[in-house]
Amino acid sequence: MSELIKKQLTEAQSSMDKAVEHCEYELTKIRAGKASPGMLDGIMVEYYGTPTAISQVGTINTPDPRTLVVTPWEKNLLTSIERAIHEANIGLNPQNDGQVIRLNVPPLTEERRLGLVKKVKEEAERGRITIRNIRKDANERIKKLKSEGVSEDEIKTGEAEVQKLTDSYIVKVDKHAEVKEKDIMTV
């Protein structure tokens, strides 16, 4: 196989790795009834006029499976953090005791579980679409190598390798989604 095709395969594999990592990251944001610091990812707090991630203005702990505790590094941030959590609309009610903010994670109802499973399926589909787009781009780049003297047979072999990569990465996304679904549906 030509070095040019190997280079395209390496790039495609690297992009697919990133796509799977991103999908996995997005799946961790979907709560499964257990408290996890990742549930607060993406929530921005107003910190001296600058939107800052909540994890950068305090520590987030899980003293038990149903509770999150946010301890700000500066006490004057308590109300800003509380406001940011309310505005994020993640279904958690912050309780400010003057020192820390406690978030009690309620147990999931069956209806809510099914809604979360639907979200997991949507996120997994986004991951699969991203991987298929990477496959399409890689195949187009491989076809363009014909002008650089790569034979038809090598191009066909390269495309077959890209397809094998695609299939294996889609299986990885499906496995992550399956694990998350099982986690959500476990009472």
N, C-alpha and C. Protein backbone atom coordinates (compact mmCIF):
# COMPACT_ATOMS: atom_id res chain seq x y z
N MET A 1 0.85 -1.19 0.00
CA MET A 1 0.00 0.00 0.00
C MET A 1 0.90 1.25 0.00
N SER A 2 0.49 2.22 -0.75
CA SER A 2 1.27 3.44 -0.91
C SER A 2 1.34 4.25 0.39
N GLU A 3 2.45 4.96 0.57
CA GLU A 3 2.65 5.80 1.76
C GLU A 3 1.58 6.90 1.83
N LEU A 4 1.17 7.40 0.68
CA LEU A 4 0.15 8.46 0.65
C LEU A 4 -1.18 7.95 1.22
N ILE A 5 -1.51 6.71 0.86
CA ILE A 5 -2.77 6.13 1.36
C ILE A 5 -2.65 5.85 2.86
N LYS A 6 -1.48 5.35 3.28
CA LYS A 6 -1.28 5.09 4.71
C LYS A 6 -1.44 6.38 5.51
N LYS A 7 -0.93 7.48 4.96
CA LYS A 7 -1.04 8.78 5.63
C LYS A 7 -2.51 9.16 5.77
N GLN A 8 -3.30 8.96 4.72
CA GLN A 8 -4.74 9.28 4.77
C GLN A 8 -5.45 8.41 5.81
N LEU A 9 -5.07 7.12 5.87
CA LEU A 9 -5.68 6.21 6.84
C LEU A 9 -5.35 6.65 8.27
N THR A 10 -4.11 7.07 8.49
CA THR A 10 -3.69 7.52 9.82
C THR A 10 -4.48 8.76 10.22
N GLU A 11 -4.63 9.70 9.28
CA GLU A 11 -5.40 10.91 9.58
C GLU A 11 -6.85 10.57 9.88
N ALA A 12 -7.43 9.67 9.10
CA ALA A 12 -8.84 9.28 9.31
C ALA A 12 -8.99 8.62 10.68
N GLN A 13 -8.03 7.76 11.03
CA GLN A 13 -8.10 7.08 12.32
C GLN A 13 -8.00 8.08 13.47
N SER A 14 -7.12 9.04 13.34
CA SER A 14 -6.96 10.07 14.37
C SER A 14 -8.26 10.86 14.53
N SER A 15 -8.87 11.25 13.41
CA SER A 15 -10.13 12.00 13.46
C SER A 15 -11.24 11.16 14.09
N MET A 16 -11.28 9.88 13.75
CA MET A 16 -12.32 9.00 14.31
C MET A 16 -12.12 8.81 15.81
N ASP A 17 -10.85 8.73 16.25
CA ASP A 17 -10.57 8.65 17.69
C ASP A 17 -11.16 9.85 18.40
N LYS A 18 -10.93 11.03 17.82
CA LYS A 18 -11.44 12.27 18.42
C LYS A 18 -12.96 12.27 18.44
N ALA A 19 -13.58 11.76 17.37
CA ALA A 19 -15.04 11.72 17.30
C ALA A 19 -15.60 10.81 18.40
N VAL A 20 -14.96 9.66 18.62
CA VAL A 20 -15.42 8.73 19.67
C VAL A 20 -15.22 9.37 21.04
N GLU A 21 -14.08 10.04 21.26
CA GLU A 21 -13.83 10.72 22.53
C GLU A 21 -14.89 11.78 22.79
N HIS A 22 -15.21 12.55 21.75
CA HIS A 22 -16.22 13.60 21.91
C HIS A 22 -17.57 12.99 22.25
N CYS A 23 -17.93 11.92 21.56
CA CYS A 23 -19.21 11.27 21.81
C CYS A 23 -19.25 10.76 23.26
N GLU A 24 -18.15 10.16 23.70
CA GLU A 24 -18.06 9.65 25.07
C GLU A 24 -18.22 10.80 26.08
N TYR A 25 -17.57 11.92 25.79
CA TYR A 25 -17.65 13.10 26.65
C TYR A 25 -19.10 13.60 26.73
N GLU A 26 -19.76 13.67 25.58
CA GLU A 26 -21.16 14.13 25.56
C GLU A 26 -22.06 13.17 26.33
N LEU A 27 -21.77 11.87 26.25
CA LEU A 27 -22.58 10.89 26.97
C LEU A 27 -22.40 11.03 28.48
N THR A 28 -21.21 11.43 28.94
CA THR A 28 -21.00 11.58 30.38
C THR A 28 -21.83 12.74 30.93
N LYS A 29 -22.19 13.69 30.09
CA LYS A 29 -23.00 14.82 30.55
C LYS A 29 -24.44 14.42 30.83
N ILE A 30 -24.88 13.32 30.24
CA ILE A 30 -26.26 12.85 30.44
C ILE A 30 -26.29 12.13 31.77
N ARG A 31 -27.08 12.64 32.70
CA ARG A 31 -27.04 12.05 34.04
C ARG A 31 -27.81 10.75 34.10
N ALA A 32 -27.29 9.83 34.89
CA ALA A 32 -27.90 8.51 34.99
C ALA A 32 -28.46 8.26 36.39
N GLY A 33 -28.86 9.33 37.08
CA GLY A 33 -29.42 9.15 38.41
C GLY A 33 -28.37 9.21 39.50
N LYS A 34 -27.11 9.07 39.14
CA LYS A 34 -26.03 9.16 40.11
C LYS A 34 -25.38 10.52 39.97
N ALA A 35 -24.96 11.09 41.08
CA ALA A 35 -24.29 12.38 41.05
C ALA A 35 -22.91 12.21 40.43
N SER A 36 -22.56 13.14 39.55
CA SER A 36 -21.24 13.10 38.90
C SER A 36 -20.82 14.54 38.63
N PRO A 37 -19.56 14.89 38.94
CA PRO A 37 -19.10 16.25 38.68
C PRO A 37 -19.27 16.67 37.22
N GLY A 38 -19.26 15.70 36.31
CA GLY A 38 -19.43 15.99 34.89
C GLY A 38 -20.80 16.58 34.56
N MET A 39 -21.76 16.42 35.48
CA MET A 39 -23.09 16.96 35.25
C MET A 39 -23.06 18.49 35.18
N LEU A 40 -22.04 19.10 35.79
CA LEU A 40 -21.96 20.55 35.82
C LEU A 40 -21.04 21.10 34.73
N ASP A 41 -20.48 20.21 33.89
CA ASP A 41 -19.65 20.67 32.78
C ASP A 41 -20.48 21.55 31.87
N GLY A 42 -19.88 22.59 31.38
CA GLY A 42 -20.58 23.47 30.45
C GLY A 42 -21.34 24.60 31.13
N ILE A 43 -21.45 24.54 32.47
CA ILE A 43 -22.13 25.63 33.17
C ILE A 43 -21.10 26.74 33.43
N MET A 44 -21.45 27.94 32.98
CA MET A 44 -20.53 29.07 33.11
C MET A 44 -21.01 30.01 34.21
N VAL A 45 -20.04 30.45 35.02
CA VAL A 45 -20.31 31.37 36.12
C VAL A 45 -19.71 32.72 35.77
N GLU A 46 -20.43 33.79 36.11
CA GLU A 46 -19.92 35.15 35.89
C GLU A 46 -18.84 35.40 36.94
N TYR A 47 -17.57 35.50 36.51
CA TYR A 47 -16.45 35.66 37.43
C TYR A 47 -15.68 36.91 37.03
N TYR A 48 -15.89 37.99 37.78
CA TYR A 48 -15.29 39.29 37.48
C TYR A 48 -15.57 39.71 36.03
N GLY A 49 -16.81 39.53 35.62
CA GLY A 49 -17.23 39.96 34.29
C GLY A 49 -16.92 38.99 33.17
N THR A 50 -16.31 37.86 33.49
CA THR A 50 -15.93 36.89 32.46
C THR A 50 -16.66 35.57 32.71
N PRO A 51 -17.32 35.00 31.69
CA PRO A 51 -17.92 33.68 31.88
C PRO A 51 -16.81 32.64 32.07
N THR A 52 -16.87 31.92 33.20
CA THR A 52 -15.84 30.95 33.55
C THR A 52 -16.51 29.63 33.91
N ALA A 53 -15.90 28.52 33.53
CA ALA A 53 -16.46 27.20 33.85
C ALA A 53 -16.56 27.04 35.36
N ILE A 54 -17.62 26.40 35.80
CA ILE A 54 -17.87 26.23 37.23
C ILE A 54 -16.71 25.47 37.90
N SER A 55 -16.09 24.55 37.17
CA SER A 55 -14.99 23.76 37.73
C SER A 55 -13.73 24.59 37.95
N GLN A 56 -13.70 25.81 37.39
CA GLN A 56 -12.52 26.66 37.53
C GLN A 56 -12.70 27.73 38.61
N VAL A 57 -13.85 27.73 39.27
CA VAL A 57 -14.06 28.70 40.35
C VAL A 57 -14.30 28.01 41.69
N GLY A 58 -14.21 26.68 41.70
CA GLY A 58 -14.40 25.94 42.94
C GLY A 58 -14.20 24.45 42.71
N THR A 59 -14.32 23.69 43.80
CA THR A 59 -14.20 22.24 43.68
C THR A 59 -15.59 21.62 43.69
N ILE A 60 -15.72 20.52 42.94
CA ILE A 60 -16.99 19.81 42.86
C ILE A 60 -16.75 18.41 43.40
N ASN A 61 -17.48 18.05 44.46
CA ASN A 61 -17.33 16.73 45.07
C ASN A 61 -18.64 15.98 45.07
N THR A 62 -18.55 14.66 45.24
CA THR A 62 -19.74 13.82 45.37
C THR A 62 -19.60 13.04 46.68
N PRO A 63 -20.10 13.61 47.79
CA PRO A 63 -19.97 12.92 49.07
C PRO A 63 -20.77 11.60 49.12
N ASP A 64 -21.84 11.52 48.35
CA ASP A 64 -22.61 10.28 48.24
C ASP A 64 -23.22 10.22 46.84
N PRO A 65 -23.77 9.07 46.44
CA PRO A 65 -24.26 8.93 45.05
C PRO A 65 -25.40 9.87 44.66
N ARG A 66 -26.02 10.53 45.60
CA ARG A 66 -27.17 11.39 45.29
C ARG A 66 -26.90 12.88 45.54
N THR A 67 -25.66 13.24 45.89
CA THR A 67 -25.37 14.64 46.23
C THR A 67 -24.12 15.15 45.56
N LEU A 68 -24.21 16.37 45.06
CA LEU A 68 -23.04 17.10 44.55
C LEU A 68 -22.81 18.28 45.49
N VAL A 69 -21.55 18.57 45.80
CA VAL A 69 -21.23 19.73 46.64
C VAL A 69 -20.23 20.59 45.88
N VAL A 70 -20.59 21.87 45.68
CA VAL A 70 -19.70 22.82 45.03
C VAL A 70 -19.15 23.74 46.11
N THR A 71 -17.82 23.73 46.27
CA THR A 71 -17.17 24.60 47.24
C THR A 71 -16.40 25.66 46.47
N PRO A 72 -16.91 26.90 46.45
CA PRO A 72 -16.22 27.96 45.69
C PRO A 72 -14.93 28.37 46.40
N TRP A 73 -13.96 28.81 45.61
CA TRP A 73 -12.70 29.27 46.18
C TRP A 73 -12.85 30.66 46.79
N GLU A 74 -13.87 31.38 46.36
CA GLU A 74 -14.15 32.69 46.94
C GLU A 74 -15.62 32.70 47.35
N LYS A 75 -15.89 33.03 48.60
CA LYS A 75 -17.26 32.97 49.13
C LYS A 75 -18.23 33.90 48.39
N ASN A 76 -17.72 35.01 47.83
CA ASN A 76 -18.61 35.94 47.12
C ASN A 76 -19.15 35.35 45.82
N LEU A 77 -18.66 34.19 45.43
CA LEU A 77 -19.14 33.54 44.19
C LEU A 77 -20.36 32.65 44.42
N LEU A 78 -20.71 32.41 45.69
CA LEU A 78 -21.83 31.50 45.98
C LEU A 78 -23.09 31.85 45.21
N THR A 79 -23.50 33.12 45.24
CA THR A 79 -24.74 33.50 44.55
C THR A 79 -24.60 33.39 43.03
N SER A 80 -23.41 33.72 42.49
CA SER A 80 -23.19 33.60 41.04
C SER A 80 -23.28 32.14 40.60
N ILE A 81 -22.69 31.24 41.39
CA ILE A 81 -22.73 29.81 41.06
C ILE A 81 -24.16 29.31 41.14
N GLU A 82 -24.85 29.72 42.21
CA GLU A 82 -26.25 29.31 42.38
C GLU A 82 -27.10 29.77 41.19
N ARG A 83 -26.93 31.01 40.79
CA ARG A 83 -27.67 31.57 39.66
C ARG A 83 -27.35 30.80 38.37
N ALA A 84 -26.07 30.50 38.16
CA ALA A 84 -25.65 29.80 36.94
C ALA A 84 -26.27 28.40 36.87
N ILE A 85 -26.35 27.72 38.00
CA ILE A 85 -26.95 26.38 38.03
C ILE A 85 -28.45 26.47 37.74
N HIS A 86 -29.12 27.47 38.33
CA HIS A 86 -30.55 27.68 38.05
C HIS A 86 -30.76 27.93 36.56
N GLU A 87 -29.96 28.84 35.98
CA GLU A 87 -30.13 29.21 34.57
C GLU A 87 -29.79 28.08 33.62
N ALA A 88 -28.92 27.15 34.06
CA ALA A 88 -28.54 26.03 33.19
C ALA A 88 -29.70 25.06 32.99
N ASN A 89 -30.68 25.12 33.89
CA ASN A 89 -31.88 24.29 33.78
C ASN A 89 -31.54 22.81 33.62
N ILE A 90 -30.73 22.29 34.54
CA ILE A 90 -30.34 20.87 34.47
C ILE A 90 -31.19 20.00 35.39
N GLY A 91 -32.22 20.60 35.97
CA GLY A 91 -33.14 19.83 36.80
C GLY A 91 -32.65 19.64 38.23
N LEU A 92 -31.67 20.42 38.65
CA LEU A 92 -31.18 20.32 40.02
C LEU A 92 -31.43 21.65 40.72
N ASN A 93 -31.82 21.57 42.00
CA ASN A 93 -32.12 22.76 42.77
C ASN A 93 -30.98 23.04 43.75
N PRO A 94 -30.18 24.10 43.52
CA PRO A 94 -29.05 24.38 44.40
C PRO A 94 -29.50 24.90 45.77
N GLN A 95 -28.83 24.43 46.82
CA GLN A 95 -29.10 24.88 48.17
C GLN A 95 -27.84 25.51 48.73
N ASN A 96 -27.90 26.81 48.99
CA ASN A 96 -26.75 27.59 49.43
C ASN A 96 -26.80 27.70 50.95
N ASP A 97 -25.76 27.19 51.66
CA ASP A 97 -25.75 27.30 53.12
C ASP A 97 -24.73 28.34 53.61
N GLY A 98 -24.24 29.18 52.70
CA GLY A 98 -23.28 30.21 53.08
C GLY A 98 -21.83 29.77 52.97
N GLN A 99 -21.61 28.47 52.86
CA GLN A 99 -20.26 27.92 52.73
C GLN A 99 -20.10 27.16 51.41
N VAL A 100 -21.09 26.30 51.15
CA VAL A 100 -21.06 25.46 49.94
C VAL A 100 -22.44 25.45 49.30
N ILE A 101 -22.50 24.93 48.09
CA ILE A 101 -23.79 24.75 47.41
C ILE A 101 -24.01 23.25 47.27
N ARG A 102 -25.12 22.78 47.79
CA ARG A 102 -25.46 21.35 47.69
C ARG A 102 -26.51 21.17 46.59
N LEU A 103 -26.33 20.10 45.84
CA LEU A 103 -27.29 19.75 44.80
C LEU A 103 -27.71 18.30 45.05
N ASN A 104 -28.97 18.11 45.36
CA ASN A 104 -29.48 16.75 45.55
C ASN A 104 -29.99 16.24 44.22
N VAL A 105 -29.47 15.09 43.81
CA VAL A 105 -29.86 14.49 42.53
C VAL A 105 -31.05 13.56 42.80
N PRO A 106 -32.23 13.93 42.31
CA PRO A 106 -33.40 13.08 42.57
C PRO A 106 -33.32 11.78 41.78
N PRO A 107 -33.93 10.71 42.31
CA PRO A 107 -33.96 9.47 41.54
C PRO A 107 -34.78 9.69 40.26
N LEU A 108 -34.42 9.00 39.22
CA LEU A 108 -35.09 9.19 37.94
C LEU A 108 -36.40 8.41 37.88
N THR A 109 -37.41 9.05 37.29
CA THR A 109 -38.67 8.36 37.05
C THR A 109 -38.50 7.54 35.76
N GLU A 110 -39.40 6.60 35.55
CA GLU A 110 -39.32 5.76 34.34
C GLU A 110 -39.41 6.61 33.08
N GLU A 111 -40.31 7.60 33.12
CA GLU A 111 -40.50 8.49 31.97
C GLU A 111 -39.21 9.27 31.67
N ARG A 112 -38.58 9.77 32.74
CA ARG A 112 -37.33 10.53 32.58
C ARG A 112 -36.22 9.62 32.06
N ARG A 113 -36.18 8.38 32.55
CA ARG A 113 -35.16 7.43 32.08
C ARG A 113 -35.29 7.21 30.57
N LEU A 114 -36.53 7.03 30.12
CA LEU A 114 -36.76 6.79 28.69
C LEU A 114 -36.35 8.02 27.87
N GLY A 115 -36.61 9.21 28.42
CA GLY A 115 -36.20 10.45 27.75
C GLY A 115 -34.68 10.53 27.65
N LEU A 116 -33.99 10.13 28.72
CA LEU A 116 -32.53 10.15 28.71
C LEU A 116 -31.96 9.12 27.73
N VAL A 117 -32.60 7.96 27.66
CA VAL A 117 -32.15 6.93 26.70
C VAL A 117 -32.28 7.47 25.28
N LYS A 118 -33.37 8.22 25.04
CA LYS A 118 -33.57 8.83 23.73
C LYS A 118 -32.43 9.81 23.42
N LYS A 119 -32.03 10.60 24.44
CA LYS A 119 -30.91 11.53 24.28
C LYS A 119 -29.62 10.77 23.97
N VAL A 120 -29.41 9.65 24.65
CA VAL A 120 -28.21 8.83 24.42
C VAL A 120 -28.19 8.35 22.97
N LYS A 121 -29.36 7.88 22.49
CA LYS A 121 -29.44 7.40 21.10
C LYS A 121 -29.14 8.54 20.11
N GLU A 122 -29.65 9.74 20.41
CA GLU A 122 -29.38 10.89 19.53
C GLU A 122 -27.89 11.23 19.51
N GLU A 123 -27.27 11.20 20.68
CA GLU A 123 -25.83 11.52 20.77
C GLU A 123 -25.01 10.47 20.05
N ALA A 124 -25.39 9.20 20.19
CA ALA A 124 -24.68 8.12 19.50
C ALA A 124 -24.83 8.28 17.99
N GLU A 125 -26.02 8.67 17.55
CA GLU A 125 -26.23 8.88 16.11
C GLU A 125 -25.37 10.02 15.61
N ARG A 126 -25.24 11.10 16.40
CA ARG A 126 -24.35 12.20 16.02
C ARG A 126 -22.92 11.69 15.85
N GLY A 127 -22.49 10.83 16.78
CA GLY A 127 -21.14 10.26 16.70
C GLY A 127 -20.97 9.43 15.44
N ARG A 128 -21.98 8.60 15.12
CA ARG A 128 -21.91 7.77 13.91
C ARG A 128 -21.86 8.64 12.65
N ILE A 129 -22.66 9.70 12.63
CA ILE A 129 -22.68 10.60 11.47
C ILE A 129 -21.31 11.25 11.30
N THR A 130 -20.71 11.69 12.40
CA THR A 130 -19.38 12.30 12.33
C THR A 130 -18.37 11.32 11.74
N ILE A 131 -18.42 10.08 12.20
CA ILE A 131 -17.49 9.06 11.70
C ILE A 131 -17.73 8.81 10.21
N ARG A 132 -19.00 8.76 9.80
CA ARG A 132 -19.28 8.55 8.37
C ARG A 132 -18.78 9.72 7.53
N ASN A 133 -18.88 10.94 8.07
CA ASN A 133 -18.36 12.11 7.35
C ASN A 133 -16.85 12.03 7.21
N ILE A 134 -16.19 11.56 8.26
CA ILE A 134 -14.73 11.38 8.20
C ILE A 134 -14.39 10.36 7.12
N ARG A 135 -15.19 9.28 7.05
CA ARG A 135 -14.97 8.26 6.02
C ARG A 135 -15.10 8.88 4.63
N LYS A 136 -16.15 9.68 4.44
CA LYS A 136 -16.38 10.31 3.14
C LYS A 136 -15.19 11.20 2.75
N ASP A 137 -14.73 12.02 3.70
CA ASP A 137 -13.59 12.91 3.43
C ASP A 137 -12.34 12.11 3.10
N ALA A 138 -12.09 11.04 3.87
CA ALA A 138 -10.90 10.22 3.64
C ALA A 138 -10.97 9.57 2.26
N ASN A 139 -12.13 9.06 1.88
CA ASN A 139 -12.27 8.43 0.56
C ASN A 139 -12.05 9.45 -0.56
N GLU A 140 -12.54 10.67 -0.37
CA GLU A 140 -12.33 11.71 -1.39
C GLU A 140 -10.85 12.03 -1.53
N ARG A 141 -10.16 12.13 -0.38
CA ARG A 141 -8.72 12.43 -0.43
C ARG A 141 -7.95 11.28 -1.08
N ILE A 142 -8.38 10.06 -0.81
CA ILE A 142 -7.70 8.90 -1.41
C ILE A 142 -7.93 8.89 -2.93
N LYS A 143 -9.15 9.21 -3.37
CA LYS A 143 -9.42 9.25 -4.81
C LYS A 143 -8.57 10.32 -5.51
N LYS A 144 -8.32 11.42 -4.83
CA LYS A 144 -7.51 12.49 -5.41
C LYS A 144 -6.05 12.08 -5.58
N LEU A 145 -5.65 11.02 -4.89
CA LEU A 145 -4.26 10.55 -4.98
C LEU A 145 -3.96 9.94 -6.35
N LYS A 146 -5.02 9.65 -7.12
CA LYS A 146 -4.83 9.08 -8.45
C LYS A 146 -3.97 10.02 -9.30
N SER A 147 -4.17 11.32 -9.11
CA SER A 147 -3.40 12.29 -9.88
C SER A 147 -1.91 12.30 -9.47
N GLU A 148 -1.62 11.71 -8.32
CA GLU A 148 -0.23 11.64 -7.87
C GLU A 148 0.41 10.29 -8.19
N GLY A 149 -0.25 9.52 -9.04
CA GLY A 149 0.34 8.28 -9.52
C GLY A 149 -0.02 7.03 -8.72
N VAL A 150 -1.01 7.11 -7.86
CA VAL A 150 -1.43 5.94 -7.10
C VAL A 150 -2.37 5.13 -7.99
N SER A 151 -2.15 3.80 -8.02
CA SER A 151 -2.95 2.95 -8.92
C SER A 151 -4.38 2.78 -8.42
N GLU A 152 -5.26 2.36 -9.36
CA GLU A 152 -6.68 2.12 -9.05
C GLU A 152 -6.81 1.06 -7.95
N ASP A 153 -6.01 -0.01 -8.07
CA ASP A 153 -6.09 -1.10 -7.09
C ASP A 153 -5.74 -0.60 -5.69
N GLU A 154 -4.70 0.23 -5.60
CA GLU A 154 -4.31 0.77 -4.30
C GLU A 154 -5.41 1.68 -3.74
N ILE A 155 -6.04 2.44 -4.61
CA ILE A 155 -7.14 3.31 -4.18
C ILE A 155 -8.29 2.46 -3.64
N LYS A 156 -8.64 1.38 -4.36
CA LYS A 156 -9.72 0.49 -3.90
C LYS A 156 -9.35 -0.13 -2.55
N THR A 157 -8.09 -0.56 -2.40
CA THR A 157 -7.63 -1.15 -1.14
C THR A 157 -7.73 -0.10 -0.02
N GLY A 158 -7.30 1.12 -0.32
CA GLY A 158 -7.38 2.20 0.67
C GLY A 158 -8.81 2.46 1.11
N GLU A 159 -9.73 2.48 0.15
CA GLU A 159 -11.14 2.72 0.48
C GLU A 159 -11.69 1.58 1.34
N ALA A 160 -11.26 0.35 1.04
CA ALA A 160 -11.71 -0.80 1.83
C ALA A 160 -11.19 -0.68 3.28
N GLU A 161 -9.95 -0.22 3.42
CA GLU A 161 -9.38 -0.03 4.76
C GLU A 161 -10.13 1.06 5.52
N VAL A 162 -10.49 2.13 4.83
CA VAL A 162 -11.26 3.21 5.46
C VAL A 162 -12.60 2.66 5.94
N GLN A 163 -13.22 1.80 5.13
CA GLN A 163 -14.51 1.21 5.52
C GLN A 163 -14.35 0.34 6.77
N LYS A 164 -13.26 -0.45 6.82
CA LYS A 164 -13.01 -1.28 8.01
C LYS A 164 -12.86 -0.40 9.25
N LEU A 165 -12.10 0.70 9.10
CA LEU A 165 -11.92 1.64 10.22
C LEU A 165 -13.27 2.19 10.66
N THR A 166 -14.07 2.61 9.68
CA THR A 166 -15.38 3.19 9.96
C THR A 166 -16.23 2.20 10.75
N ASP A 167 -16.28 0.97 10.28
CA ASP A 167 -17.09 -0.05 10.95
C ASP A 167 -16.64 -0.26 12.40
N SER A 168 -15.32 -0.32 12.61
CA SER A 168 -14.82 -0.57 13.97
C SER A 168 -15.14 0.62 14.89
N TYR A 169 -15.06 1.84 14.37
CA TYR A 169 -15.33 3.01 15.23
C TYR A 169 -16.82 3.16 15.50
N ILE A 170 -17.66 2.78 14.57
CA ILE A 170 -19.10 2.84 14.81
C ILE A 170 -19.47 1.83 15.90
N VAL A 171 -18.80 0.67 15.90
CA VAL A 171 -19.04 -0.32 16.96
C VAL A 171 -18.64 0.27 18.32
N LYS A 172 -17.53 1.03 18.35
CA LYS A 172 -17.10 1.65 19.62
C LYS A 172 -18.16 2.63 20.13
N VAL A 173 -18.69 3.46 19.22
CA VAL A 173 -19.73 4.42 19.61
C VAL A 173 -20.94 3.67 20.15
N ASP A 174 -21.34 2.61 19.44
CA ASP A 174 -22.50 1.83 19.87
C ASP A 174 -22.29 1.22 21.25
N LYS A 175 -21.05 0.74 21.52
CA LYS A 175 -20.77 0.15 22.83
C LYS A 175 -20.88 1.19 23.94
N HIS A 176 -20.34 2.39 23.69
CA HIS A 176 -20.44 3.46 24.69
C HIS A 176 -21.90 3.79 24.95
N ALA A 177 -22.69 3.88 23.90
CA ALA A 177 -24.11 4.20 24.05
C ALA A 177 -24.83 3.09 24.81
N GLU A 178 -24.51 1.85 24.51
CA GLU A 178 -25.14 0.70 25.17
C GLU A 178 -24.85 0.71 26.67
N VAL A 179 -23.59 0.99 27.03
CA VAL A 179 -23.20 1.05 28.44
C VAL A 179 -23.97 2.16 29.13
N LYS A 180 -24.08 3.32 28.49
CA LYS A 180 -24.79 4.47 29.08
C LYS A 180 -26.28 4.14 29.24
N GLU A 181 -26.87 3.51 28.24
CA GLU A 181 -28.29 3.14 28.31
C GLU A 181 -28.52 2.20 29.49
N LYS A 182 -27.65 1.20 29.62
CA LYS A 182 -27.78 0.24 30.71
C LYS A 182 -27.68 0.95 32.05
N ASP A 183 -26.73 1.89 32.13
CA ASP A 183 -26.52 2.68 33.35
C ASP A 183 -27.78 3.47 33.71
N ILE A 184 -28.40 4.08 32.70
CA ILE A 184 -29.60 4.88 32.92
C ILE A 184 -30.78 4.01 33.35
N MET A 185 -30.93 2.86 32.72
CA MET A 185 -32.10 2.02 32.98
C MET A 185 -31.96 1.19 34.27
N THR A 186 -30.76 1.14 34.85
CA THR A 186 -30.57 0.42 36.10
C THR A 186 -31.14 1.25 37.24
N VAL A 187 -32.08 0.66 37.95
CA VAL A 187 -32.74 1.37 39.05
C VAL A 187 -31.95 1.22 40.33
